[in-house]
Amino acid sequence: MAIAVLRTTAAALTDRGRKRATNEDAFGYSIEHGAFVICDGMGGAAAGEIASSLAVDEFLRVVSDRRDTQSNPSPGEENIPEIIAEAVNAANEAIHSRAERNIRLSGMGTTMVGILVEERQAWVLNIGDSRCYCLRDGRLRQITLDHSLVEEQVRNGRMTSAQAARSPLRNVITRAVGTQSRVTADIMQLDAEPGDLFLLCSDGLTRELADNRIEFILKVESPLEDACTRLIQAANKAGGNDNITCILVRIG
């Protein structure tokens, strides 16, 4: 039986926000290889920008190389979790080794959130507090779980969401790419449906906009480029305290 391959379209936009002098977010995607990724860097001087750019480049390089090598695979032949793990490890090694060679870059790292699309499956990965959402049938659902100190306290019942939003520790993440010699991504496999709209974003968006506000913006029928613009404009209007990046991926 033939398996229908879903078509994807995408758009992306990044903005340094209203308060930051530089933009430490990076993004990249390849429609051809069904790969989409956002990284939000951290570190002194230009280290955050270097970390996020390295991570995006390495992730897409590995995914593209692996998927080109396995051109026209039989259904189920590709081991997507293995490809993701290899790509994450390459990004982690690139950042960690660069920091070890240059003391000015010591401690740099980045979050990572991404999607790989294969036939009717979407594989979501994340490290840190950049997020993936899915809008399906008019309802927005958060797919990823933040690797942050306050969100883990909320999940353990030790802090309310309201307390987490006000906590001075809300910027502390518990997992990042490049800060240690090894890192593991959370990986989730989803059945993709025609009409699904995936949102990848850095926390510069979600810190400013509640999920219901994001849902409202995404439910308006418009080109994906316009939706990205409206999301970033809304986040800047709400404060724009951080860099803001989003990728929208529509499953056709």
Foldseek 3Di string as FASTA:
>chain_A
DDFAAWQKDKDKDWDFFDADPDALKDWDDDSVLQKTKIKQKDAPDCLSNVLNVLLRVQLVVQSVVVCVVCDPPDVPPDPVVVSNQVSLLRSLQVQQVVCVVPVRNAQMWIKMWMWGGDGQKIKIKTWAAWWKWKQDPLDIDTDDQHQFDLSVCCVVVNDPPVCLLVDPRVRGGDGTRHRDNDGDIDMDMDGHDAFMKMKTKDVLQCNQDPPVRLSVLVVDDDPNNVSNVVSSVSSSVSPRNGMIMMMMMGTD
